PDB file of N, CA and C in Angstrom:
ATOM      1  N   UNK A   1       0.848  -1.176   0.000  1.00  0.00           N
ATOM      2  CA  UNK A   1       0.000   0.000   0.000  1.00  0.00           C
ATOM      3  C   UNK A   1       0.894   1.241   0.000  1.00  0.00           C
ATOM      4  N   UNK A   2       0.567   2.183  -0.847  1.00  0.00           N
ATOM      5  CA  UNK A   2       1.354   3.416  -0.930  1.00  0.00           C
ATOM      6  C   UNK A   2       1.062   4.291   0.283  1.00  0.00           C
ATOM      7  N   UNK A   3       2.093   4.916   0.780  1.00  0.00           N
ATOM      8  CA  UNK A   3       1.941   5.797   1.925  1.00  0.00           C
ATOM      9  C   UNK A   3       1.789   7.230   1.423  1.00  0.00           C
ATOM     10  N   UNK A   4       0.755   7.918   1.893  1.00  0.00           N
ATOM     11  CA  UNK A   4       0.505   9.298   1.477  1.00  0.00           C
ATOM     12  C   UNK A   4       0.932  10.236   2.596  1.00  0.00           C
ATOM     13  N   UNK A   5       1.698  11.233   2.237  1.00  0.00           N
ATOM     14  CA  UNK A   5       2.150  12.226   3.219  1.00  0.00           C
ATOM     15  C   UNK A   5       1.829  13.620   2.707  1.00  0.00           C
ATOM     16  N   UNK A   6       1.530  14.498   3.641  1.00  0.00           N
ATOM     17  CA  UNK A   6       1.309  15.892   3.290  1.00  0.00           C
ATOM     18  C   UNK A   6       2.643  16.530   2.968  1.00  0.00           C
ATOM     19  N   UNK A   7       2.639  17.404   2.003  1.00  0.00           N
ATOM     20  CA  UNK A   7       3.860  18.108   1.631  1.00  0.00           C
ATOM     21  C   UNK A   7       4.017  19.337   2.522  1.00  0.00           C
ATOM     22  N   UNK A   8       5.261  19.707   2.823  1.00  0.00           N
ATOM     23  CA  UNK A   8       5.501  20.853   3.704  1.00  0.00           C
ATOM     24  C   UNK A   8       5.145  22.193   3.053  1.00  0.00           C
ATOM     25  N   UNK A   9       5.005  23.205   3.873  1.00  0.00           N
ATOM     26  CA  UNK A   9       4.751  24.557   3.404  1.00  0.00           C
ATOM     27  C   UNK A   9       5.859  24.975   2.449  1.00  0.00           C
ATOM     28  N   UNK A  10       5.462  25.630   1.371  1.00  0.00           N
ATOM     29  CA  UNK A  10       6.434  26.133   0.413  1.00  0.00           C
ATOM     30  C   UNK A  10       6.886  25.129  -0.626  1.00  0.00           C
ATOM     31  N   UNK A  11       6.233  23.979  -0.681  1.00  0.00           N
ATOM     32  CA  UNK A  11       6.655  22.954  -1.643  1.00  0.00           C
ATOM     33  C   UNK A  11       5.958  23.102  -2.997  1.00  0.00           C
ATOM     34  N   UNK A  12       5.050  24.071  -3.137  1.00  0.00           N
ATOM     35  CA  UNK A  12       4.443  24.360  -4.426  1.00  0.00           C
ATOM     36  C   UNK A  12       3.085  23.737  -4.676  1.00  0.00           C
ATOM     37  N   UNK A  13       2.429  23.234  -3.639  1.00  0.00           N
ATOM     38  CA  UNK A  13       1.123  22.593  -3.821  1.00  0.00           C
ATOM     39  C   UNK A  13       0.093  23.570  -4.392  1.00  0.00           C
ATOM     40  N   UNK A  14       0.002  24.747  -3.823  1.00  0.00           N
ATOM     41  CA  UNK A  14      -0.966  25.745  -4.291  1.00  0.00           C
ATOM     42  C   UNK A  14      -0.609  26.221  -5.693  1.00  0.00           C
ATOM     43  N   UNK A  15       0.668  26.377  -5.969  1.00  0.00           N
ATOM     44  CA  UNK A  15       1.112  26.813  -7.289  1.00  0.00           C
ATOM     45  C   UNK A  15       0.675  25.813  -8.352  1.00  0.00           C
ATOM     46  N   UNK A  16       0.893  24.541  -8.092  1.00  0.00           N
ATOM     47  CA  UNK A  16       0.509  23.504  -9.049  1.00  0.00           C
ATOM     48  C   UNK A  16      -1.010  23.455  -9.210  1.00  0.00           C
ATOM     49  N   UNK A  17      -1.743  23.571  -8.112  1.00  0.00           N
ATOM     50  CA  UNK A  17      -3.202  23.566  -8.187  1.00  0.00           C
ATOM     51  C   UNK A  17      -3.701  24.739  -9.030  1.00  0.00           C
ATOM     52  N   UNK A  18      -3.109  25.907  -8.843  1.00  0.00           N
ATOM     53  CA  UNK A  18      -3.503  27.080  -9.638  1.00  0.00           C
ATOM     54  C   UNK A  18      -3.144  26.895 -11.107  1.00  0.00           C
ATOM     55  N   UNK A  19      -1.988  26.327 -11.376  1.00  0.00           N
ATOM     56  CA  UNK A  19      -1.584  26.090 -12.764  1.00  0.00           C
ATOM     57  C   UNK A  19      -2.549  25.124 -13.450  1.00  0.00           C
ATOM     58  N   UNK A  20      -2.934  24.064 -12.753  1.00  0.00           N
ATOM     59  CA  UNK A  20      -3.900  23.114 -13.314  1.00  0.00           C
ATOM     60  C   UNK A  20      -5.259  23.771 -13.536  1.00  0.00           C
ATOM     61  N   UNK A  21      -5.678  24.583 -12.569  1.00  0.00           N
ATOM     62  CA  UNK A  21      -6.948  25.297 -12.701  1.00  0.00           C
ATOM     63  C   UNK A  21      -6.921  26.286 -13.844  1.00  0.00           C
ATOM     64  N   UNK A  22      -5.807  26.984 -13.997  1.00  0.00           N
ATOM     65  CA  UNK A  22      -5.649  27.951 -15.076  1.00  0.00           C
ATOM     66  C   UNK A  22      -5.755  27.250 -16.429  1.00  0.00           C
ATOM     67  N   UNK A  23      -5.080  26.119 -16.573  1.00  0.00           N
ATOM     68  CA  UNK A  23      -5.130  25.385 -17.830  1.00  0.00           C
ATOM     69  C   UNK A  23      -6.530  24.854 -18.101  1.00  0.00           C
ATOM     70  N   UNK A  24      -7.199  24.364 -17.068  1.00  0.00           N
ATOM     71  CA  UNK A  24      -8.563  23.867 -17.233  1.00  0.00           C
ATOM     72  C   UNK A  24      -9.489  24.998 -17.701  1.00  0.00           C
ATOM     73  N   UNK A  25      -9.320  26.185 -17.120  1.00  0.00           N
ATOM     74  CA  UNK A  25     -10.142  27.329 -17.529  1.00  0.00           C
ATOM     75  C   UNK A  25      -9.853  27.704 -18.981  1.00  0.00           C
ATOM     76  N   UNK A  26      -8.593  27.668 -19.377  1.00  0.00           N
ATOM     77  CA  UNK A  26      -8.235  27.967 -20.770  1.00  0.00           C
ATOM     78  C   UNK A  26      -8.831  26.944 -21.729  1.00  0.00           C
ATOM     79  N   UNK A  27      -8.998  25.724 -21.237  1.00  0.00           N
ATOM     80  CA  UNK A  27      -9.592  24.661 -22.053  1.00  0.00           C
ATOM     81  C   UNK A  27     -11.117  24.705 -22.044  1.00  0.00           C
ATOM     82  N   UNK A  28     -11.679  25.709 -21.371  1.00  0.00           N
ATOM     83  CA  UNK A  28     -13.122  25.905 -21.394  1.00  0.00           C
ATOM     84  C   UNK A  28     -13.892  25.298 -20.236  1.00  0.00           C
ATOM     85  N   UNK A  29     -13.210  24.786 -19.247  1.00  0.00           N
ATOM     86  CA  UNK A  29     -13.888  24.197 -18.095  1.00  0.00           C
ATOM     87  C   UNK A  29     -14.129  25.257 -17.025  1.00  0.00           C
ATOM     88  N   UNK A  30     -15.190  25.091 -16.264  1.00  0.00           N
ATOM     89  CA  UNK A  30     -15.437  25.999 -15.147  1.00  0.00           C
ATOM     90  C   UNK A  30     -14.555  25.572 -13.981  1.00  0.00           C
ATOM     91  N   UNK A  31     -13.961  26.560 -13.339  1.00  0.00           N
ATOM     92  CA  UNK A  31     -13.013  26.302 -12.252  1.00  0.00           C
ATOM     93  C   UNK A  31     -13.348  27.222 -11.083  1.00  0.00           C
ATOM     94  N   UNK A  32     -13.260  26.666  -9.903  1.00  0.00           N
ATOM     95  CA  UNK A  32     -13.424  27.476  -8.685  1.00  0.00           C
ATOM     96  C   UNK A  32     -12.299  27.120  -7.732  1.00  0.00           C
ATOM     97  N   UNK A  33     -11.576  28.130  -7.301  1.00  0.00           N
ATOM     98  CA  UNK A  33     -10.490  27.975  -6.339  1.00  0.00           C
ATOM     99  C   UNK A  33     -10.956  28.607  -5.037  1.00  0.00           C
ATOM    100  N   UNK A  34     -10.880  27.847  -3.950  1.00  0.00           N
ATOM    101  CA  UNK A  34     -11.350  28.384  -2.674  1.00  0.00           C
ATOM    102  C   UNK A  34     -10.596  27.748  -1.521  1.00  0.00           C
ATOM    103  N   UNK A  35     -10.394  28.534  -0.502  1.00  0.00           N
ATOM    104  CA  UNK A  35      -9.792  28.005   0.715  1.00  0.00           C
ATOM    105  C   UNK A  35     -10.848  27.142   1.413  1.00  0.00           C
ATOM    106  N   UNK A  36     -10.423  26.000   1.914  1.00  0.00           N
ATOM    107  CA  UNK A  36     -11.354  25.052   2.522  1.00  0.00           C
ATOM    108  C   UNK A  36     -12.090  25.679   3.702  1.00  0.00           C
ATOM    109  N   UNK A  37     -11.374  26.410   4.541  1.00  0.00           N
ATOM    110  CA  UNK A  37     -12.014  27.012   5.713  1.00  0.00           C
ATOM    111  C   UNK A  37     -13.125  27.973   5.305  1.00  0.00           C
ATOM    112  N   UNK A  38     -12.911  28.717   4.237  1.00  0.00           N
ATOM    113  CA  UNK A  38     -13.930  29.656   3.774  1.00  0.00           C
ATOM    114  C   UNK A  38     -15.135  28.916   3.194  1.00  0.00           C
ATOM    115  N   UNK A  39     -14.884  27.835   2.470  1.00  0.00           N
ATOM    116  CA  UNK A  39     -15.986  27.041   1.921  1.00  0.00           C
ATOM    117  C   UNK A  39     -16.824  26.436   3.045  1.00  0.00           C
ATOM    118  N   UNK A  40     -16.170  25.914   4.073  1.00  0.00           N
ATOM    119  CA  UNK A  40     -16.906  25.337   5.201  1.00  0.00           C
ATOM    120  C   UNK A  40     -17.739  26.392   5.911  1.00  0.00           C
ATOM    121  N   UNK A  41     -17.192  27.602   6.061  1.00  0.00           N
ATOM    122  CA  UNK A  41     -17.963  28.709   6.649  1.00  0.00           C
ATOM    123  C   UNK A  41     -19.170  29.044   5.777  1.00  0.00           C
ATOM    124  N   UNK A  42     -18.942  29.088   4.464  1.00  0.00           N
ATOM    125  CA  UNK A  42     -20.014  29.402   3.529  1.00  0.00           C
ATOM    126  C   UNK A  42     -21.120  28.350   3.575  1.00  0.00           C
ATOM    127  N   UNK A  43     -20.730  27.088   3.669  1.00  0.00           N
ATOM    128  CA  UNK A  43     -21.716  26.012   3.767  1.00  0.00           C
ATOM    129  C   UNK A  43     -22.507  26.103   5.074  1.00  0.00           C
ATOM    130  N   UNK A  44     -21.825  26.387   6.178  1.00  0.00           N
ATOM    131  CA  UNK A  44     -22.511  26.517   7.466  1.00  0.00           C
ATOM    132  C   UNK A  44     -23.490  27.683   7.449  1.00  0.00           C
ATOM    133  N   UNK A  45     -23.065  28.804   6.870  1.00  0.00           N
ATOM    134  CA  UNK A  45     -23.955  29.972   6.792  1.00  0.00           C
ATOM    135  C   UNK A  45     -25.142  29.668   5.878  1.00  0.00           C
ATOM    136  N   UNK A  46     -24.877  28.985   4.779  1.00  0.00           N
ATOM    137  CA  UNK A  46     -25.961  28.630   3.866  1.00  0.00           C
ATOM    138  C   UNK A  46     -26.976  27.714   4.523  1.00  0.00           C
ATOM    139  N   UNK A  47     -26.468  26.804   5.318  1.00  0.00           N
ATOM    140  CA  UNK A  47     -27.373  25.893   6.035  1.00  0.00           C
ATOM    141  C   UNK A  47     -28.231  26.652   7.034  1.00  0.00           C
ATOM    142  N   UNK A  48     -27.613  27.589   7.747  1.00  0.00           N
ATOM    143  CA  UNK A  48     -28.344  28.373   8.749  1.00  0.00           C
ATOM    144  C   UNK A  48     -29.383  29.293   8.108  1.00  0.00           C
ATOM    145  N   UNK A  49     -29.094  29.769   6.903  1.00  0.00           N
ATOM    146  CA  UNK A  49     -29.995  30.706   6.231  1.00  0.00           C
ATOM    147  C   UNK A  49     -30.964  30.023   5.271  1.00  0.00           C
ATOM    148  N   UNK A  50     -30.916  28.686   5.208  1.00  0.00           N
ATOM    149  CA  UNK A  50     -31.825  27.968   4.334  1.00  0.00           C
ATOM    150  C   UNK A  50     -31.413  27.990   2.865  1.00  0.00           C
ATOM    151  N   UNK A  51     -30.137  28.272   2.598  1.00  0.00           N
ATOM    152  CA  UNK A  51     -29.651  28.351   1.218  1.00  0.00           C
ATOM    153  C   UNK A  51     -28.665  27.230   0.908  1.00  0.00           C
ATOM    154  N   UNK A  52     -28.645  26.210   1.738  1.00  0.00           N
ATOM    155  CA  UNK A  52     -27.678  25.121   1.609  1.00  0.00           C
ATOM    156  C   UNK A  52     -27.827  24.381   0.279  1.00  0.00           C
ATOM    157  N   UNK A  53     -29.056  24.023  -0.074  1.00  0.00           N
ATOM    158  CA  UNK A  53     -29.297  23.281  -1.320  1.00  0.00           C
ATOM    159  C   UNK A  53     -28.887  24.103  -2.531  1.00  0.00           C
ATOM    160  N   UNK A  54     -29.168  25.386  -2.503  1.00  0.00           N
ATOM    161  CA  UNK A  54     -28.802  26.262  -3.618  1.00  0.00           C
ATOM    162  C   UNK A  54     -27.286  26.359  -3.753  1.00  0.00           C
ATOM    163  N   UNK A  55     -26.601  26.441  -2.628  1.00  0.00           N
ATOM    164  CA  UNK A  55     -25.141  26.507  -2.641  1.00  0.00           C
ATOM    165  C   UNK A  55     -24.539  25.209  -3.178  1.00  0.00           C
ATOM    166  N   UNK A  56     -25.072  24.079  -2.738  1.00  0.00           N
ATOM    167  CA  UNK A  56     -24.584  22.790  -3.242  1.00  0.00           C
ATOM    168  C   UNK A  56     -24.851  22.639  -4.738  1.00  0.00           C
ATOM    169  N   UNK A  57     -25.988  23.112  -5.193  1.00  0.00           N
ATOM    170  CA  UNK A  57     -26.307  23.046  -6.617  1.00  0.00           C
ATOM    171  C   UNK A  57     -25.322  23.885  -7.423  1.00  0.00           C
ATOM    172  N   UNK A  58     -24.977  25.056  -6.898  1.00  0.00           N
ATOM    173  CA  UNK A  58     -24.008  25.919  -7.577  1.00  0.00           C
ATOM    174  C   UNK A  58     -22.631  25.264  -7.624  1.00  0.00           C
ATOM    175  N   UNK A  59     -22.235  24.629  -6.524  1.00  0.00           N
ATOM    176  CA  UNK A  59     -20.944  23.943  -6.482  1.00  0.00           C
ATOM    177  C   UNK A  59     -20.907  22.754  -7.435  1.00  0.00           C
ATOM    178  N   UNK A  60     -22.030  22.068  -7.573  1.00  0.00           N
ATOM    179  CA  UNK A  60     -22.069  20.876  -8.422  1.00  0.00           C
ATOM    180  C   UNK A  60     -21.905  21.207  -9.900  1.00  0.00           C
ATOM    181  N   UNK A  61     -22.135  22.452 -10.279  1.00  0.00           N
ATOM    182  CA  UNK A  61     -21.991  22.867 -11.675  1.00  0.00           C
ATOM    183  C   UNK A  61     -20.547  23.164 -12.053  1.00  0.00           C
ATOM    184  N   UNK A  62     -19.684  23.280 -11.060  1.00  0.00           N
ATOM    185  CA  UNK A  62     -18.271  23.582 -11.322  1.00  0.00           C
ATOM    186  C   UNK A  62     -17.561  22.299 -11.727  1.00  0.00           C
ATOM    187  N   UNK A  63     -16.857  22.348 -12.843  1.00  0.00           N
ATOM    188  CA  UNK A  63     -16.155  21.159 -13.356  1.00  0.00           C
ATOM    189  C   UNK A  63     -14.944  20.808 -12.498  1.00  0.00           C
ATOM    190  N   UNK A  64     -14.182  21.836 -12.065  1.00  0.00           N
ATOM    191  CA  UNK A  64     -12.989  21.612 -11.246  1.00  0.00           C
ATOM    192  C   UNK A  64     -13.060  22.502 -10.020  1.00  0.00           C
ATOM    193  N   UNK A  65     -13.120  21.886  -8.856  1.00  0.00           N
ATOM    194  CA  UNK A  65     -13.150  22.615  -7.591  1.00  0.00           C
ATOM    195  C   UNK A  65     -11.805  22.397  -6.912  1.00  0.00           C
ATOM    196  N   UNK A  66     -11.062  23.478  -6.712  1.00  0.00           N
ATOM    197  CA  UNK A  66      -9.748  23.405  -6.083  1.00  0.00           C
ATOM    198  C   UNK A  66      -9.903  23.935  -4.655  1.00  0.00           C
ATOM    199  N   UNK A  67      -9.611  23.072  -3.685  1.00  0.00           N
ATOM    200  CA  UNK A  67      -9.690  23.465  -2.276  1.00  0.00           C
ATOM    201  C   UNK A  67      -8.278  23.568  -1.731  1.00  0.00           C
ATOM    202  N   UNK A  68      -7.959  24.706  -1.170  1.00  0.00           N
ATOM    203  CA  UNK A  68      -6.630  24.958  -0.631  1.00  0.00           C
ATOM    204  C   UNK A  68      -6.735  25.100   0.876  1.00  0.00           C
ATOM    205  N   UNK A  69      -5.657  24.775   1.523  1.00  0.00           N
ATOM    206  CA  UNK A  69      -5.644  24.921   2.989  1.00  0.00           C
ATOM    207  C   UNK A  69      -5.151  26.296   3.294  1.00  0.00           C
TER     208      UNK A  69
END
């Protein structure tokens, strides 16, 4: 079984994710880049305000969702 490890700060994870997202957008795909903590806050607020289903529907339309820490 392959062992998965998190890469250290400054190793280029976000840079590579942005490069992939940029290329996907150039190829005509919808892309959304968001920090995970902000997305979780947005989902919690949407749930509290009764907009959770609408938010999930909007997210489901995105072809590539990039979540960054």
